[in-house]
PDB file of N, CA and C in Angstrom:
ATOM      1  N   MET A   1      -6.803  17.038  -8.906  1.00  0.00           N
ATOM      2  CA  MET A   1      -6.130  15.751  -8.050  1.00  0.00           C
ATOM      3  C   MET A   1      -5.542  14.540  -8.551  1.00  0.00           C
ATOM      4  N   ASP A   2      -4.246  14.262  -7.748  1.00  0.00           N
ATOM      5  CA  ASP A   2      -3.385  13.628  -8.374  1.00  0.00           C
ATOM      6  C   ASP A   2      -3.802  12.223  -7.891  1.00  0.00           C
ATOM      7  N   ARG A   3      -3.942  11.413  -8.612  1.00  0.00           N
ATOM      8  CA  ARG A   3      -4.183  10.172  -8.480  1.00  0.00           C
ATOM      9  C   ARG A   3      -3.472   9.297  -9.434  1.00  0.00           C
ATOM     10  N   TYR A   4      -3.114   8.062  -9.047  1.00  0.00           N
ATOM     11  CA  TYR A   4      -2.055   7.540  -9.416  1.00  0.00           C
ATOM     12  C   TYR A   4      -2.704   5.636  -9.327  1.00  0.00           C
ATOM     13  N   ARG A   5      -2.584   4.741  -9.824  1.00  0.00           N
ATOM     14  CA  ARG A   5      -2.606   3.744  -9.385  1.00  0.00           C
ATOM     15  C   ARG A   5      -1.231   3.318  -9.601  1.00  0.00           C
ATOM     16  N   ILE A   6      -0.782   2.607  -8.520  1.00  0.00           N
ATOM     17  CA  ILE A   6       1.089   2.090  -8.669  1.00  0.00           C
ATOM     18  C   ILE A   6       1.097   0.465  -7.986  1.00  0.00           C
ATOM     19  N   GLU A   7       1.804   0.043  -8.332  1.00  0.00           N
ATOM     20  CA  GLU A   7       2.577  -1.077  -7.819  1.00  0.00           C
ATOM     21  C   GLU A   7       3.234  -0.810  -6.883  1.00  0.00           C
ATOM     22  N   PHE A   8       3.470  -1.371  -5.760  1.00  0.00           N
ATOM     23  CA  PHE A   8       4.196  -1.440  -4.902  1.00  0.00           C
ATOM     24  C   PHE A   8       5.036  -2.051  -4.283  1.00  0.00           C
ATOM     25  N   LYS A   9       6.151  -2.398  -3.187  1.00  0.00           N
ATOM     26  CA  LYS A   9       6.690  -3.594  -2.890  1.00  0.00           C
ATOM     27  C   LYS A   9       6.892  -3.196  -1.300  1.00  0.00           C
ATOM     28  N   CYS A  10       6.526  -4.994  -0.193  1.00  0.00           N
ATOM     29  CA  CYS A  10       6.585  -4.345   0.812  1.00  0.00           C
ATOM     30  C   CYS A  10       8.082  -4.868   1.025  1.00  0.00           C
ATOM     31  N   ASN A  11       9.032  -4.038   1.852  1.00  0.00           N
ATOM     32  CA  ASN A  11      10.038  -4.143   2.529  1.00  0.00           C
ATOM     33  C   ASN A  11       9.847  -4.902   3.966  1.00  0.00           C
ATOM     34  N   LYS A  12       8.729  -4.668   4.881  1.00  0.00           N
ATOM     35  CA  LYS A  12       9.071  -5.526   5.725  1.00  0.00           C
ATOM     36  C   LYS A  12       7.620  -5.712   6.154  1.00  0.00           C
ATOM     37  N   VAL A  13       7.039  -6.671   7.330  1.00  0.00           N
ATOM     38  CA  VAL A  13       5.857  -7.064   7.560  1.00  0.00           C
ATOM     39  C   VAL A  13       5.623  -5.843   8.617  1.00  0.00           C
ATOM     40  N   PRO A  14       3.999  -5.127   7.833  1.00  0.00           N
ATOM     41  CA  PRO A  14       3.514  -4.210   9.084  1.00  0.00           C
ATOM     42  C   PRO A  14       3.325  -4.617  10.231  1.00  0.00           C
ATOM     43  N   LYS A  15       3.280  -4.120  10.890  1.00  0.00           N
ATOM     44  CA  LYS A  15       3.175  -4.242  12.965  1.00  0.00           C
ATOM     45  C   LYS A  15       1.785  -4.399  12.886  1.00  0.00           C
ATOM     46  N   PRO A  16       1.348  -5.457  13.868  1.00  0.00           N
ATOM     47  CA  PRO A  16      -0.586  -6.100  13.850  1.00  0.00           C
ATOM     48  C   PRO A  16      -1.142  -4.890  14.001  1.00  0.00           C
ATOM     49  N   ASN A  17      -0.510  -3.773  14.933  1.00  0.00           N
ATOM     50  CA  ASN A  17      -1.280  -3.214  15.205  1.00  0.00           C
ATOM     51  C   ASN A  17      -2.235  -1.553  14.058  1.00  0.00           C
ATOM     52  N   THR A  18      -1.320  -1.496  13.293  1.00  0.00           N
ATOM     53  CA  THR A  18      -1.420  -1.023  12.130  1.00  0.00           C
ATOM     54  C   THR A  18      -2.675  -1.139  11.136  1.00  0.00           C
ATOM     55  N   GLY A  19      -3.194  -2.479  11.437  1.00  0.00           N
ATOM     56  CA  GLY A  19      -4.293  -2.806  10.697  1.00  0.00           C
ATOM     57  C   GLY A  19      -4.071  -3.232   9.052  1.00  0.00           C
ATOM     58  N   LEU A  20      -2.856  -3.579   8.719  1.00  0.00           N
ATOM     59  CA  LEU A  20      -2.167  -3.815   7.459  1.00  0.00           C
ATOM     60  C   LEU A  20      -2.515  -5.469   7.858  1.00  0.00           C
ATOM     61  N   GLU A  21      -3.025  -5.968   7.826  1.00  0.00           N
ATOM     62  CA  GLU A  21      -2.683  -7.321   7.729  1.00  0.00           C
ATOM     63  C   GLU A  21      -2.963  -7.893   6.370  1.00  0.00           C
ATOM     64  N   GLY A  22      -1.606  -9.155   6.243  1.00  0.00           N
ATOM     65  CA  GLY A  22      -1.844  -9.926   4.752  1.00  0.00           C
ATOM     66  C   GLY A  22      -0.406  -9.303   3.967  1.00  0.00           C
ATOM     67  N   PHE A  23      -0.315  -8.725   4.140  1.00  0.00           N
ATOM     68  CA  PHE A  23       1.196  -8.371   3.809  1.00  0.00           C
ATOM     69  C   PHE A  23       2.616  -8.936   4.027  1.00  0.00           C
ATOM     70  N   ASP A  24       3.263  -9.869   2.895  1.00  0.00           N
ATOM     71  CA  ASP A  24       4.027 -10.498   3.226  1.00  0.00           C
ATOM     72  C   ASP A  24       5.606  -9.287   2.730  1.00  0.00           C
ATOM     73  N   ALA A  25       6.687  -9.630   3.120  1.00  0.00           N
ATOM     74  CA  ALA A  25       8.026  -8.832   2.973  1.00  0.00           C
ATOM     75  C   ALA A  25       8.672  -9.705   2.010  1.00  0.00           C
ATOM     76  N   GLU A  26       9.083  -8.625   0.747  1.00  0.00           N
ATOM     77  CA  GLU A  26       9.658  -8.633  -0.701  1.00  0.00           C
ATOM     78  C   GLU A  26       8.567  -9.138  -1.201  1.00  0.00           C
ATOM     79  N   LYS A  27       7.075  -9.175  -1.550  1.00  0.00           N
ATOM     80  CA  LYS A  27       6.414  -9.191  -2.215  1.00  0.00           C
ATOM     81  C   LYS A  27       5.722  -7.754  -3.080  1.00  0.00           C
ATOM     82  N   ASN A  28       5.361  -7.760  -4.138  1.00  0.00           N
ATOM     83  CA  ASN A  28       4.993  -7.094  -4.918  1.00  0.00           C
ATOM     84  C   ASN A  28       2.895  -6.726  -4.864  1.00  0.00           C
ATOM     85  N   TYR A  29       2.508  -5.855  -4.979  1.00  0.00           N
ATOM     86  CA  TYR A  29       0.898  -5.252  -4.571  1.00  0.00           C
ATOM     87  C   TYR A  29       0.425  -4.349  -5.645  1.00  0.00           C
ATOM     88  N   VAL A  30      -0.715  -4.395  -5.708  1.00  0.00           N
ATOM     89  CA  VAL A  30      -1.309  -2.641  -6.605  1.00  0.00           C
ATOM     90  C   VAL A  30      -2.207  -1.916  -5.563  1.00  0.00           C
ATOM     91  N   GLY A  31      -2.177  -0.402  -5.682  1.00  0.00           N
ATOM     92  CA  GLY A  31      -3.052   0.024  -4.976  1.00  0.00           C
ATOM     93  C   GLY A  31      -2.789   1.301  -5.890  1.00  0.00           C
ATOM     94  N   ARG A  32      -3.366   2.522  -5.010  1.00  0.00           N
ATOM     95  CA  ARG A  32      -3.821   4.036  -5.338  1.00  0.00           C
ATOM     96  C   ARG A  32      -3.088   4.842  -4.706  1.00  0.00           C
ATOM     97  N   ALA A  33      -2.376   5.995  -5.172  1.00  0.00           N
ATOM     98  CA  ALA A  33      -2.053   7.118  -4.985  1.00  0.00           C
ATOM     99  C   ALA A  33      -2.681   8.127  -5.281  1.00  0.00           C
ATOM    100  N   PHE A  34      -2.978   9.460  -4.032  1.00  0.00           N
ATOM    101  CA  PHE A  34      -3.486  10.661  -4.848  1.00  0.00           C
ATOM    102  C   PHE A  34      -3.570  11.367  -3.474  1.00  0.00           C
ATOM    103  N   ASN A  35      -3.344  12.720  -3.438  1.00  0.00           N
ATOM    104  CA  ASN A  35      -2.891  13.643  -2.415  1.00  0.00           C
ATOM    105  C   ASN A  35      -2.220  13.629  -0.982  1.00  0.00           C
ATOM    106  N   GLY A  36      -0.923  13.061  -1.618  1.00  0.00           N
ATOM    107  CA  GLY A  36      -0.543  12.484  -0.159  1.00  0.00           C
ATOM    108  C   GLY A  36      -0.894  11.337   0.621  1.00  0.00           C
ATOM    109  N   LEU A  37      -1.729  10.325   0.275  1.00  0.00           N
ATOM    110  CA  LEU A  37      -2.323   9.197   1.078  1.00  0.00           C
ATOM    111  C   LEU A  37      -2.052   8.248   0.037  1.00  0.00           C
ATOM    112  N   TYR A  38      -2.226   6.809   0.600  1.00  0.00           N
ATOM    113  CA  TYR A  38      -2.385   5.813  -0.225  1.00  0.00           C
ATOM    114  C   TYR A  38      -3.016   4.655   0.685  1.00  0.00           C
ATOM    115  N   GLU A  39      -3.401   4.416  -0.830  1.00  0.00           N
ATOM    116  CA  GLU A  39      -4.866   3.486  -0.580  1.00  0.00           C
ATOM    117  C   GLU A  39      -3.950   1.521  -1.202  1.00  0.00           C
ATOM    118  N   VAL A  40      -4.214   1.653   0.014  1.00  0.00           N
ATOM    119  CA  VAL A  40      -3.469  -0.417  -0.138  1.00  0.00           C
ATOM    120  C   VAL A  40      -4.471  -1.488   0.057  1.00  0.00           C
ATOM    121  N   SER A  41      -4.094  -2.440  -0.616  1.00  0.00           N
ATOM    122  CA  SER A  41      -4.634  -3.628   0.320  1.00  0.00           C
ATOM    123  C   SER A  41      -3.400  -4.880  -0.494  1.00  0.00           C
ATOM    124  N   SER A  42      -3.604  -5.968   0.442  1.00  0.00           N
ATOM    125  CA  SER A  42      -2.993  -6.667   0.500  1.00  0.00           C
ATOM    126  C   SER A  42      -3.908  -7.812  -0.803  1.00  0.00           C
ATOM    127  N   SER A  43      -5.024  -7.622  -1.073  1.00  0.00           N
ATOM    128  CA  SER A  43      -5.558  -8.266  -2.024  1.00  0.00           C
ATOM    129  C   SER A  43      -6.386  -7.306  -3.112  1.00  0.00           C
ATOM    130  N   TRP A  44      -5.811  -6.916  -3.590  1.00  0.00           N
ATOM    131  CA  TRP A  44      -6.562  -5.512  -4.743  1.00  0.00           C
ATOM    132  C   TRP A  44      -7.628  -5.987  -5.283  1.00  0.00           C
ATOM    133  N   GLY A  45      -8.699  -5.600  -5.640  1.00  0.00           N
ATOM    134  CA  GLY A  45      -9.462  -5.633  -6.771  1.00  0.00           C
ATOM    135  C   GLY A  45     -10.255  -7.246  -6.054  1.00  0.00           C
ATOM    136  N   SER A  46     -10.304  -7.795  -5.056  1.00  0.00           N
ATOM    137  CA  SER A  46     -11.001  -8.780  -4.618  1.00  0.00           C
ATOM    138  C   SER A  46     -12.345  -8.752  -3.688  1.00  0.00           C
ATOM    139  N   GLY A  47     -12.436  -7.489  -3.379  1.00  0.00           N
ATOM    140  CA  GLY A  47     -13.332  -7.091  -2.610  1.00  0.00           C
ATOM    141  C   GLY A  47     -12.695  -6.715  -1.147  1.00  0.00           C
ATOM    142  N   LYS A  48     -11.569  -7.211  -0.884  1.00  0.00           N
ATOM    143  CA  LYS A  48     -11.355  -6.980   0.522  1.00  0.00           C
ATOM    144  C   LYS A  48     -11.366  -5.240   0.863  1.00  0.00           C
ATOM    145  N   GLN A  49     -11.720  -5.076   2.058  1.00  0.00           N
ATOM    146  CA  GLN A  49     -11.422  -3.682   2.566  1.00  0.00           C
ATOM    147  C   GLN A  49     -10.003  -3.124   2.420  1.00  0.00           C
ATOM    148  N   THR A  50     -10.118  -1.904   1.540  1.00  0.00           N
ATOM    149  CA  THR A  50      -8.862  -0.897   1.272  1.00  0.00           C
ATOM    150  C   THR A  50      -8.452  -0.599   2.886  1.00  0.00           C
ATOM    151  N   LYS A  51      -7.278  -0.016   3.123  1.00  0.00           N
ATOM    152  CA  LYS A  51      -6.912   0.966   3.818  1.00  0.00           C
ATOM    153  C   LYS A  51      -6.279   2.349   3.348  1.00  0.00           C
ATOM    154  N   LEU A  52      -6.613   3.563   3.801  1.00  0.00           N
ATOM    155  CA  LEU A  52      -6.208   4.469   3.748  1.00  0.00           C
ATOM    156  C   LEU A  52      -4.865   5.099   4.201  1.00  0.00           C
ATOM    157  N   ILE A  53      -3.775   5.380   3.913  1.00  0.00           N
ATOM    158  CA  ILE A  53      -2.738   5.549   4.624  1.00  0.00           C
ATOM    159  C   ILE A  53      -1.878   6.394   4.753  1.00  0.00           C
ATOM    160  N   ASN A  54      -0.799   7.214   5.484  1.00  0.00           N
ATOM    161  CA  ASN A  54      -0.323   8.674   4.805  1.00  0.00           C
ATOM    162  C   ASN A  54       1.012   8.328   4.284  1.00  0.00           C
ATOM    163  N   LYS A  55       1.520   8.585   3.700  1.00  0.00           N
ATOM    164  CA  LYS A  55       3.498   8.987   3.408  1.00  0.00           C
ATOM    165  C   LYS A  55       3.545   8.006   4.514  1.00  0.00           C
ATOM    166  N   THR A  56       3.753   8.539   5.177  1.00  0.00           N
ATOM    167  CA  THR A  56       4.957   8.535   6.425  1.00  0.00           C
ATOM    168  C   THR A  56       4.846   6.484   7.118  1.00  0.00           C
ATOM    169  N   ILE A  57       3.796   6.373   6.942  1.00  0.00           N
ATOM    170  CA  ILE A  57       3.118   5.436   7.371  1.00  0.00           C
ATOM    171  C   ILE A  57       3.812   4.121   6.158  1.00  0.00           C
ATOM    172  N   PHE A  58       2.975   4.280   5.163  1.00  0.00           N
ATOM    173  CA  PHE A  58       3.409   4.013   3.420  1.00  0.00           C
ATOM    174  C   PHE A  58       5.241   3.522   3.890  1.00  0.00           C
ATOM    175  N   GLU A  59       5.818   5.002   3.557  1.00  0.00           N
ATOM    176  CA  GLU A  59       6.942   4.708   3.342  1.00  0.00           C
ATOM    177  C   GLU A  59       7.945   3.772   4.462  1.00  0.00           C
ATOM    178  N   GLU A  60       6.957   3.866   5.771  1.00  0.00           N
ATOM    179  CA  GLU A  60       8.485   2.704   6.933  1.00  0.00           C
ATOM    180  C   GLU A  60       7.739   1.224   6.556  1.00  0.00           C
ATOM    181  N   TYR A  61       7.141   0.684   5.716  1.00  0.00           N
ATOM    182  CA  TYR A  61       6.659  -0.507   4.866  1.00  0.00           C
ATOM    183  C   TYR A  61       6.963  -1.059   4.275  1.00  0.00           C
ATOM    184  N   PHE A  62       6.538   0.210   3.099  1.00  0.00           N
ATOM    185  CA  PHE A  62       6.473  -0.401   1.645  1.00  0.00           C
ATOM    186  C   PHE A  62       6.799   1.120   0.602  1.00  0.00           C
ATOM    187  N   GLU A  63       7.696   0.566  -0.684  1.00  0.00           N
ATOM    188  CA  GLU A  63       8.263   1.571  -1.782  1.00  0.00           C
ATOM    189  C   GLU A  63       7.525   1.306  -3.128  1.00  0.00           C
ATOM    190  N   VAL A  64       6.971   2.483  -3.281  1.00  0.00           N
ATOM    191  CA  VAL A  64       6.804   2.202  -4.824  1.00  0.00           C
ATOM    192  C   VAL A  64       7.419   2.130  -5.788  1.00  0.00           C
ATOM    193  N   ILE A  65       7.327   1.029  -6.584  1.00  0.00           N
ATOM    194  CA  ILE A  65       7.747   0.448  -7.511  1.00  0.00           C
ATOM    195  C   ILE A  65       7.667   1.188  -9.269  1.00  0.00           C
ATOM    196  N   LYS A  66       6.473   1.128  -9.688  1.00  0.00           N
ATOM    197  CA  LYS A  66       5.738   1.947 -10.641  1.00  0.00           C
ATOM    198  C   LYS A  66       4.201   2.464 -10.538  1.00  0.00           C
ATOM    199  N   LYS A  67       4.137   3.769 -11.471  1.00  0.00           N
ATOM    200  CA  LYS A  67       3.403   4.682 -11.062  1.00  0.00           C
ATOM    201  C   LYS A  67       3.007   4.511 -12.451  1.00  0.00           C
ATOM    202  N   SER A  68       1.541   4.828 -12.749  1.00  0.00           N
ATOM    203  CA  SER A  68       0.686   4.542 -13.927  1.00  0.00           C
ATOM    204  C   SER A  68      -0.546   5.522 -14.139  1.00  0.00           C
TER     205      SER A  68
END
């Protein structure tokens, strides 16, 4: 299974109906990518629920800056 910790940038604020609240444009965030899915949170590690999204939705709002 491909499993990566990623750093990603929000390119545009997600629409309210996507369930991706709390993201600000031009800000960097941390998450994970595996098996073509992305696990994202606007406050990674805080205990806030994460959201699992597919590549199409991810690329509409975000871009990967770094994989580790």
